[in-house]
PDB file of N, CA and C in Angstrom:
ATOM      1  N   MET A   1       0.824  -1.193   0.000  1.00  0.00           N
ATOM      2  CA  MET A   1       0.000   0.000   0.000  1.00  0.00           C
ATOM      3  C   MET A   1       0.866   1.254   0.000  1.00  0.00           C
ATOM      4  N   LYS A   2       1.971   1.188   0.742  1.00  0.00           N
ATOM      5  CA  LYS A   2       2.846   2.352   0.822  1.00  0.00           C
ATOM      6  C   LYS A   2       3.533   2.612  -0.511  1.00  0.00           C
ATOM      7  N   SER A   3       3.903   1.543  -1.219  1.00  0.00           N
ATOM      8  CA  SER A   3       4.572   1.718  -2.507  1.00  0.00           C
ATOM      9  C   SER A   3       3.621   2.326  -3.548  1.00  0.00           C
ATOM     10  N   LEU A   4       2.335   2.032  -3.458  1.00  0.00           N
ATOM     11  CA  LEU A   4       1.356   2.624  -4.360  1.00  0.00           C
ATOM     12  C   LEU A   4       1.272   4.129  -4.130  1.00  0.00           C
ATOM     13  N   PHE A   5       1.278   4.543  -2.876  1.00  0.00           N
ATOM     14  CA  PHE A   5       1.253   5.964  -2.532  1.00  0.00           C
ATOM     15  C   PHE A   5       2.507   6.663  -3.044  1.00  0.00           C
ATOM     16  N   VAL A   6       3.656   6.035  -2.880  1.00  0.00           N
ATOM     17  CA  VAL A   6       4.923   6.609  -3.341  1.00  0.00           C
ATOM     18  C   VAL A   6       4.923   6.725  -4.860  1.00  0.00           C
ATOM     19  N   ASN A   7       4.435   5.695  -5.548  1.00  0.00           N
ATOM     20  CA  ASN A   7       4.374   5.734  -7.010  1.00  0.00           C
ATOM     21  C   ASN A   7       3.464   6.851  -7.502  1.00  0.00           C
ATOM     22  N   ARG A   8       2.338   7.035  -6.852  1.00  0.00           N
ATOM     23  CA  ARG A   8       1.428   8.113  -7.247  1.00  0.00           C
ATOM     24  C   ARG A   8       2.041   9.481  -6.982  1.00  0.00           C
ATOM     25  N   CYS A   9       2.739   9.622  -5.886  1.00  0.00           N
ATOM     26  CA  CYS A   9       3.407  10.895  -5.584  1.00  0.00           C
ATOM     27  C   CYS A   9       4.500  11.194  -6.606  1.00  0.00           C
ATOM     28  N   LEU A  10       5.265  10.185  -6.976  1.00  0.00           N
ATOM     29  CA  LEU A  10       6.311  10.376  -7.981  1.00  0.00           C
ATOM     30  C   LEU A  10       5.709  10.716  -9.345  1.00  0.00           C
ATOM     31  N   ALA A  11       4.610  10.071  -9.691  1.00  0.00           N
ATOM     32  CA  ALA A  11       3.948  10.366 -10.961  1.00  0.00           C
ATOM     33  C   ALA A  11       3.434  11.803 -10.974  1.00  0.00           C
ATOM     34  N   LEU A  12       2.860  12.244  -9.875  1.00  0.00           N
ATOM     35  CA  LEU A  12       2.383  13.618  -9.769  1.00  0.00           C
ATOM     36  C   LEU A  12       3.540  14.605  -9.864  1.00  0.00           C
ATOM     37  N   LEU A  13       4.646  14.279  -9.253  1.00  0.00           N
ATOM     38  CA  LEU A  13       5.832  15.130  -9.308  1.00  0.00           C
ATOM     39  C   LEU A  13       6.357  15.242 -10.737  1.00  0.00           C
ATOM     40  N   VAL A  14       6.380  14.137 -11.448  1.00  0.00           N
ATOM     41  CA  VAL A  14       6.848  14.143 -12.840  1.00  0.00           C
ATOM     42  C   VAL A  14       5.915  14.980 -13.712  1.00  0.00           C
ATOM     43  N   VAL A  15       4.617  14.842 -13.516  1.00  0.00           N
ATOM     44  CA  VAL A  15       3.654  15.617 -14.295  1.00  0.00           C
ATOM     45  C   VAL A  15       3.808  17.107 -14.003  1.00  0.00           C
ATOM     46  N   CYS A  16       3.962  17.468 -12.746  1.00  0.00           N
ATOM     47  CA  CYS A  16       4.147  18.878 -12.386  1.00  0.00           C
ATOM     48  C   CYS A  16       5.435  19.437 -12.979  1.00  0.00           C
ATOM     49  N   ALA A  17       6.503  18.669 -12.948  1.00  0.00           N
ATOM     50  CA  ALA A  17       7.773  19.113 -13.528  1.00  0.00           C
ATOM     51  C   ALA A  17       7.642  19.285 -15.039  1.00  0.00           C
ATOM     52  N   ALA A  18       6.949  18.377 -15.697  1.00  0.00           N
ATOM     53  CA  ALA A  18       6.755  18.479 -17.146  1.00  0.00           C
ATOM     54  C   ALA A  18       5.943  19.723 -17.497  1.00  0.00           C
ATOM     55  N   LEU A  19       4.912  19.999 -16.721  1.00  0.00           N
ATOM     56  CA  LEU A  19       4.108  21.195 -16.968  1.00  0.00           C
ATOM     57  C   LEU A  19       4.912  22.464 -16.724  1.00  0.00           C
ATOM     58  N   LEU A  20       5.760  22.445 -15.734  1.00  0.00           N
ATOM     59  CA  LEU A  20       6.595  23.609 -15.438  1.00  0.00           C
ATOM     60  C   LEU A  20       7.515  23.922 -16.608  1.00  0.00           C
ATOM     61  N   PHE A  21       8.119  22.898 -17.186  1.00  0.00           N
ATOM     62  CA  PHE A  21       9.020  23.113 -18.313  1.00  0.00           C
ATOM     63  C   PHE A  21       8.260  23.428 -19.598  1.00  0.00           C
ATOM     64  N   ALA A  22       7.077  22.866 -19.770  1.00  0.00           N
ATOM     65  CA  ALA A  22       6.313  23.069 -21.000  1.00  0.00           C
ATOM     66  C   ALA A  22       5.697  24.459 -21.064  1.00  0.00           C
ATOM     67  N   TRP A  23       5.326  25.023 -19.931  1.00  0.00           N
ATOM     68  CA  TRP A  23       4.655  26.315 -19.923  1.00  0.00           C
ATOM     69  C   TRP A  23       5.558  27.438 -19.457  1.00  0.00           C
ATOM     70  N   GLY A  24       6.818  27.391 -19.846  1.00  0.00           N
ATOM     71  CA  GLY A  24       7.750  28.449 -19.492  1.00  0.00           C
ATOM     72  C   GLY A  24       7.465  29.714 -20.285  1.00  0.00           C
ATOM     73  N   ASP A  25       8.100  30.804 -19.914  1.00  0.00           N
ATOM     74  CA  ASP A  25       7.933  32.071 -20.609  1.00  0.00           C
ATOM     75  C   ASP A  25       8.507  31.984 -22.021  1.00  0.00           C
ATOM     76  N   VAL A  26       7.925  32.766 -22.901  1.00  0.00           N
ATOM     77  CA  VAL A  26       8.396  32.812 -24.278  1.00  0.00           C
ATOM     78  C   VAL A  26       9.666  33.658 -24.330  1.00  0.00           C
ATOM     79  N   ALA A  27      10.686  33.149 -24.955  1.00  0.00           N
ATOM     80  CA  ALA A  27      11.944  33.886 -25.082  1.00  0.00           C
ATOM     81  C   ALA A  27      11.828  34.891 -26.222  1.00  0.00           C
ATOM     82  N   GLN A  28      12.410  36.042 -26.023  1.00  0.00           N
ATOM     83  CA  GLN A  28      12.435  37.058 -27.057  1.00  0.00           C
ATOM     84  C   GLN A  28      13.691  36.877 -27.891  1.00  0.00           C
ATOM     85  N   ALA A  29      13.541  36.733 -29.187  1.00  0.00           N
ATOM     86  CA  ALA A  29      14.685  36.487 -30.062  1.00  0.00           C
ATOM     87  C   ALA A  29      15.503  37.749 -30.286  1.00  0.00           C
ATOM     88  N   TYR A  30      14.868  38.906 -30.271  1.00  0.00           N
ATOM     89  CA  TYR A  30      15.570  40.169 -30.489  1.00  0.00           C
ATOM     90  C   TYR A  30      15.882  40.777 -29.129  1.00  0.00           C
ATOM     91  N   PRO A  31      17.142  41.059 -28.819  1.00  0.00           N
ATOM     92  CA  PRO A  31      17.509  41.509 -27.472  1.00  0.00           C
ATOM     93  C   PRO A  31      16.887  42.860 -27.108  1.00  0.00           C
ATOM     94  N   TYR A  32      16.541  43.004 -25.864  1.00  0.00           N
ATOM     95  CA  TYR A  32      15.874  44.217 -25.391  1.00  0.00           C
ATOM     96  C   TYR A  32      16.758  45.444 -25.544  1.00  0.00           C
ATOM     97  N   TYR A  33      18.060  45.309 -25.280  1.00  0.00           N
ATOM     98  CA  TYR A  33      18.945  46.469 -25.369  1.00  0.00           C
ATOM     99  C   TYR A  33      19.028  46.990 -26.801  1.00  0.00           C
ATOM    100  N   ALA A  34      18.850  46.145 -27.782  1.00  0.00           N
ATOM    101  CA  ALA A  34      18.853  46.593 -29.173  1.00  0.00           C
ATOM    102  C   ALA A  34      17.504  47.208 -29.543  1.00  0.00           C
ATOM    103  N   GLN A  35      16.433  46.731 -28.955  1.00  0.00           N
ATOM    104  CA  GLN A  35      15.112  47.285 -29.241  1.00  0.00           C
ATOM    105  C   GLN A  35      14.984  48.703 -28.714  1.00  0.00           C
ATOM    106  N   SER A  36      15.635  49.011 -27.608  1.00  0.00           N
ATOM    107  CA  SER A  36      15.471  50.319 -26.985  1.00  0.00           C
ATOM    108  C   SER A  36      16.206  51.420 -27.732  1.00  0.00           C
ATOM    109  N   ASN A  37      17.127  51.090 -28.630  1.00  0.00           N
ATOM    110  CA  ASN A  37      17.896  52.101 -29.348  1.00  0.00           C
ATOM    111  C   ASN A  37      17.171  52.646 -30.570  1.00  0.00           C
ATOM    112  N   TYR A  38      16.222  51.923 -31.116  1.00  0.00           N
ATOM    113  CA  TYR A  38      15.585  52.289 -32.374  1.00  0.00           C
ATOM    114  C   TYR A  38      14.069  52.213 -32.245  1.00  0.00           C
ATOM    115  N   ASP A  39      13.399  53.123 -32.980  1.00  0.00           N
ATOM    116  CA  ASP A  39      11.939  53.039 -33.043  1.00  0.00           C
ATOM    117  C   ASP A  39      11.519  51.779 -33.790  1.00  0.00           C
ATOM    118  N   SER A  40      12.201  51.518 -34.895  1.00  0.00           N
ATOM    119  CA  SER A  40      11.952  50.320 -35.686  1.00  0.00           C
ATOM    120  C   SER A  40      13.252  49.535 -35.763  1.00  0.00           C
ATOM    121  N   PRO A  41      13.269  48.281 -35.386  1.00  0.00           N
ATOM    122  CA  PRO A  41      14.519  47.520 -35.379  1.00  0.00           C
ATOM    123  C   PRO A  41      14.995  47.095 -36.769  1.00  0.00           C
ATOM    124  N   ARG A  42      14.313  47.538 -37.838  1.00  0.00           N
ATOM    125  CA  ARG A  42      14.706  47.157 -39.202  1.00  0.00           C
ATOM    126  C   ARG A  42      14.985  48.401 -40.045  1.00  0.00           C
ATOM    127  N   GLU A  43      15.968  48.277 -40.943  1.00  0.00           N
ATOM    128  CA  GLU A  43      16.253  49.333 -41.908  1.00  0.00           C
ATOM    129  C   GLU A  43      15.222  49.273 -43.028  1.00  0.00           C
ATOM    130  N   ALA A  44      15.287  50.238 -43.950  1.00  0.00           N
ATOM    131  CA  ALA A  44      14.350  50.258 -45.073  1.00  0.00           C
ATOM    132  C   ALA A  44      14.516  49.030 -45.966  1.00  0.00           C
ATOM    133  N   THR A  45      15.708  48.463 -45.987  1.00  0.00           N
ATOM    134  CA  THR A  45      15.960  47.273 -46.804  1.00  0.00           C
ATOM    135  C   THR A  45      15.454  45.993 -46.148  1.00  0.00           C
ATOM    136  N   GLY A  46      15.058  46.071 -44.884  1.00  0.00           N
ATOM    137  CA  GLY A  46      14.578  44.899 -44.163  1.00  0.00           C
ATOM    138  C   GLY A  46      15.622  44.280 -43.262  1.00  0.00           C
ATOM    139  N   LYS A  47      16.858  44.789 -43.335  1.00  0.00           N
ATOM    140  CA  LYS A  47      17.940  44.269 -42.500  1.00  0.00           C
ATOM    141  C   LYS A  47      17.722  44.694 -41.049  1.00  0.00           C
ATOM    142  N   ILE A  48      17.988  43.794 -40.118  1.00  0.00           N
ATOM    143  CA  ILE A  48      17.840  44.107 -38.699  1.00  0.00           C
ATOM    144  C   ILE A  48      18.965  45.040 -38.268  1.00  0.00           C
ATOM    145  N   VAL A  49      18.602  46.128 -37.592  1.00  0.00           N
ATOM    146  CA  VAL A  49      19.566  47.114 -37.114  1.00  0.00           C
ATOM    147  C   VAL A  49      20.017  46.709 -35.720  1.00  0.00           C
ATOM    148  N   CYS A  50      21.313  46.660 -35.509  1.00  0.00           N
ATOM    149  CA  CYS A  50      21.848  46.318 -34.194  1.00  0.00           C
ATOM    150  C   CYS A  50      23.105  47.136 -33.962  1.00  0.00           C
ATOM    151  N   ALA A  51      23.075  48.025 -32.989  1.00  0.00           N
ATOM    152  CA  ALA A  51      24.225  48.873 -32.707  1.00  0.00           C
ATOM    153  C   ALA A  51      25.359  48.084 -32.072  1.00  0.00           C
ATOM    154  N   ASN A  52      25.066  46.914 -31.548  1.00  0.00           N
ATOM    155  CA  ASN A  52      26.081  46.139 -30.834  1.00  0.00           C
ATOM    156  C   ASN A  52      26.673  45.017 -31.685  1.00  0.00           C
ATOM    157  N   CYS A  53      26.329  44.968 -32.962  1.00  0.00           N
ATOM    158  CA  CYS A  53      26.832  43.896 -33.829  1.00  0.00           C
ATOM    159  C   CYS A  53      28.023  44.368 -34.642  1.00  0.00           C
TER     160      CYS A  53
END
């Protein structure tokens, strides 16, 4: 009976850990420090503007 309780607790822990990793925050591909320097992060040609590149 005790092993059944332990197995259920471990299964719940695994599910919670999986949900934690699956629902993480979305990463921003364009760095914030580069976004703050320009109104539009792209030139007229479509090239991404980056003062730090």
